[in-house]
Amino acid sequence: MVEAEEGKFLIGLCYRNTSSNASNDESLLKLLQKTADKRGISHFMIMGDINFPDIDYQHSMVRAGPNTAASRFFEETLDLFLVQHVHAATRYRVEQ
């Protein structure tokens, strides 16, 4: 955590496996909510690989059903006013 004049800036790193189960996905959502609600933190940044390929932040849409983990994660990022800064894949596999 870094202290600045305006408050504290929290930097986090997260990796979510594409085969993550519902319990892990729910824990990730709760962690985001808890971090956003933490007193004394004015800003936070999460870096990493969340692995929700159905989320398209450039067009603000999810290519999966409304009750999927991807949709829930997308809605939570909107509710918390989080901004996606990377809009292209950073690596590719042969079958992609």
C-alpha atoms as a PDB file:
ATOM      1  CA  MET A   1       0.000   0.000   0.000  1.00  0.00           C
ATOM      2  CA  VAL A   2       1.328   3.435  -0.932  1.00  0.00           C
ATOM      3  CA  GLU A   3       0.376   6.573   0.942  1.00  0.00           C
ATOM      4  CA  ALA A   4      -0.322   9.753  -0.995  1.00  0.00           C
ATOM      5  CA  GLU A   5      -1.648  13.163  -0.014  1.00  0.00           C
ATOM      6  CA  GLU A   6      -5.197  12.124  -0.931  1.00  0.00           C
ATOM      7  CA  GLY A   7      -5.158   8.811   0.945  1.00  0.00           C
ATOM      8  CA  LYS A   8      -3.835   5.328   0.409  1.00  0.00           C
ATOM      9  CA  PHE A   9      -3.358   3.591  -2.920  1.00  0.00           C
ATOM     10  CA  LEU A  10      -3.683  -0.192  -2.862  1.00  0.00           C
ATOM     11  CA  ILE A  11      -2.150  -2.288  -5.631  1.00  0.00           C
ATOM     12  CA  GLY A  12      -3.253  -5.898  -6.035  1.00  0.00           C
ATOM     13  CA  LEU A  13      -2.422  -8.791  -8.287  1.00  0.00           C
ATOM     14  CA  CYS A  14      -4.952 -11.452  -9.234  1.00  0.00           C
ATOM     15  CA  TYR A  15      -4.964 -14.554 -11.388  1.00  0.00           C
ATOM     16  CA  ARG A  16      -8.232 -16.374 -12.055  1.00  0.00           C
ATOM     17  CA  ASN A  17      -7.937 -19.726 -13.791  1.00  0.00           C
ATOM     18  CA  THR A  18     -10.353 -20.281 -16.684  1.00  0.00           C
ATOM     19  CA  SER A  19     -11.539 -23.435 -14.893  1.00  0.00           C
ATOM     20  CA  SER A  20     -12.253 -21.563 -11.650  1.00  0.00           C
ATOM     21  CA  ASN A  21     -15.250 -22.947  -9.751  1.00  0.00           C
ATOM     22  CA  ALA A  22     -18.297 -21.013  -8.517  1.00  0.00           C
ATOM     23  CA  SER A  23     -16.972 -20.785  -4.958  1.00  0.00           C
ATOM     24  CA  ASN A  24     -13.706 -19.189  -6.122  1.00  0.00           C
ATOM     25  CA  ASP A  25     -15.594 -16.788  -8.400  1.00  0.00           C
ATOM     26  CA  GLU A  26     -17.821 -15.736  -5.499  1.00  0.00           C
ATOM     27  CA  SER A  27     -14.760 -15.209  -3.288  1.00  0.00           C
ATOM     28  CA  LEU A  28     -13.220 -12.980  -5.959  1.00  0.00           C
ATOM     29  CA  LEU A  29     -16.365 -10.832  -6.102  1.00  0.00           C
ATOM     30  CA  LYS A  30     -16.425 -10.509  -2.306  1.00  0.00           C
ATOM     31  CA  LEU A  31     -12.752  -9.551  -2.273  1.00  0.00           C
ATOM     32  CA  LEU A  32     -13.376  -6.788  -4.823  1.00  0.00           C
ATOM     33  CA  GLN A  33     -16.300  -5.474  -2.776  1.00  0.00           C
ATOM     34  CA  LYS A  34     -14.318  -5.612   0.468  1.00  0.00           C
ATOM     35  CA  THR A  35     -11.383  -3.791  -1.109  1.00  0.00           C
ATOM     36  CA  ALA A  36     -13.620  -1.050  -2.518  1.00  0.00           C
ATOM     37  CA  ASP A  37     -15.306  -0.590   0.888  1.00  0.00           C
ATOM     38  CA  LYS A  38     -12.063  -0.477   2.881  1.00  0.00           C
ATOM     39  CA  ARG A  39     -11.725   2.739   4.822  1.00  0.00           C
ATOM     40  CA  GLY A  40      -8.697   4.892   4.190  1.00  0.00           C
ATOM     41  CA  ILE A  41      -8.079   3.592   0.674  1.00  0.00           C
ATOM     42  CA  SER A  42      -8.766   6.291  -1.875  1.00  0.00           C
ATOM     43  CA  HIS A  43      -7.673   4.334  -4.964  1.00  0.00           C
ATOM     44  CA  PHE A  44      -6.927   0.746  -5.872  1.00  0.00           C
ATOM     45  CA  MET A  45      -5.548  -0.984  -8.918  1.00  0.00           C
ATOM     46  CA  ILE A  46      -5.843  -4.669  -9.721  1.00  0.00           C
ATOM     47  CA  MET A  47      -3.433  -6.183 -12.193  1.00  0.00           C
ATOM     48  CA  GLY A  48      -3.373  -9.709 -13.457  1.00  0.00           C
ATOM     49  CA  ASP A  49      -5.318 -12.126 -15.551  1.00  0.00           C
ATOM     50  CA  ILE A  50      -8.981 -12.579 -14.678  1.00  0.00           C
ATOM     51  CA  ASN A  51      -9.687 -14.923 -17.636  1.00  0.00           C
ATOM     52  CA  PHE A  52     -13.250 -14.102 -18.563  1.00  0.00           C
ATOM     53  CA  PRO A  53     -12.990 -14.275 -22.376  1.00  0.00           C
ATOM     54  CA  ASP A  54     -16.760 -13.655 -22.699  1.00  0.00           C
ATOM     55  CA  ILE A  55     -16.358 -10.107 -21.356  1.00  0.00           C
ATOM     56  CA  ASP A  56     -15.868  -7.414 -23.994  1.00  0.00           C
ATOM     57  CA  TYR A  57     -15.017  -4.194 -22.151  1.00  0.00           C
ATOM     58  CA  GLN A  58     -14.540  -2.223 -25.377  1.00  0.00           C
ATOM     59  CA  HIS A  59     -18.203  -2.720 -26.290  1.00  0.00           C
ATOM     60  CA  SER A  60     -19.490  -3.035 -22.704  1.00  0.00           C
ATOM     61  CA  MET A  61     -21.021  -6.451 -23.243  1.00  0.00           C
ATOM     62  CA  VAL A  62     -20.800 -10.054 -22.137  1.00  0.00           C
ATOM     63  CA  ARG A  63     -21.151 -12.871 -24.657  1.00  0.00           C
ATOM     64  CA  ALA A  64     -22.582 -15.238 -22.040  1.00  0.00           C
ATOM     65  CA  GLY A  65     -25.894 -15.574 -20.239  1.00  0.00           C
ATOM     66  CA  PRO A  66     -27.038 -13.047 -17.611  1.00  0.00           C
ATOM     67  CA  ASN A  67     -26.498 -15.417 -14.663  1.00  0.00           C
ATOM     68  CA  THR A  68     -22.993 -16.530 -15.590  1.00  0.00           C
ATOM     69  CA  ALA A  69     -19.833 -15.833 -13.602  1.00  0.00           C
ATOM     70  CA  ALA A  70     -18.621 -13.568 -16.423  1.00  0.00           C
ATOM     71  CA  SER A  71     -21.799 -11.467 -16.285  1.00  0.00           C
ATOM     72  CA  ARG A  72     -21.676 -11.200 -12.512  1.00  0.00           C
ATOM     73  CA  PHE A  73     -18.015 -10.145 -12.617  1.00  0.00           C
ATOM     74  CA  PHE A  74     -18.683  -7.594 -15.370  1.00  0.00           C
ATOM     75  CA  GLU A  75     -21.613  -6.083 -13.453  1.00  0.00           C
ATOM     76  CA  GLU A  76     -19.515  -5.882 -10.287  1.00  0.00           C
ATOM     77  CA  THR A  77     -16.728  -4.038 -12.085  1.00  0.00           C
ATOM     78  CA  LEU A  78     -19.305  -1.536 -13.334  1.00  0.00           C
ATOM     79  CA  ASP A  79     -20.843  -1.160  -9.869  1.00  0.00           C
ATOM     80  CA  LEU A  80     -17.406  -0.476  -8.379  1.00  0.00           C
ATOM     81  CA  PHE A  81     -16.502   1.972 -11.188  1.00  0.00           C
ATOM     82  CA  LEU A  82     -13.480  -0.118 -12.164  1.00  0.00           C
ATOM     83  CA  VAL A  83     -11.887   0.588 -15.541  1.00  0.00           C
ATOM     84  CA  GLN A  84     -10.338  -1.985 -17.862  1.00  0.00           C
ATOM     85  CA  HIS A  85      -7.148  -0.586 -19.393  1.00  0.00           C
ATOM     86  CA  VAL A  86      -6.028  -3.557 -21.507  1.00  0.00           C
ATOM     87  CA  HIS A  87      -8.251  -4.119 -24.530  1.00  0.00           C
ATOM     88  CA  ALA A  88      -6.330  -6.727 -26.506  1.00  0.00           C
ATOM     89  CA  ALA A  89      -5.053 -10.165 -25.646  1.00  0.00           C
ATOM     90  CA  THR A  90      -1.498 -10.071 -24.378  1.00  0.00           C
ATOM     91  CA  ARG A  91      -0.727 -13.591 -25.577  1.00  0.00           C
ATOM     92  CA  TYR A  92      -2.265 -16.203 -27.856  1.00  0.00           C
ATOM     93  CA  ARG A  93      -2.247 -19.976 -28.028  1.00  0.00           C
ATOM     94  CA  VAL A  94      -2.236 -21.947 -31.252  1.00  0.00           C
ATOM     95  CA  GLU A  95      -5.942 -22.888 -31.005  1.00  0.00           C
ATOM     96  CA  GLN A  96      -7.104 -19.305 -30.360  1.00  0.00           C
END
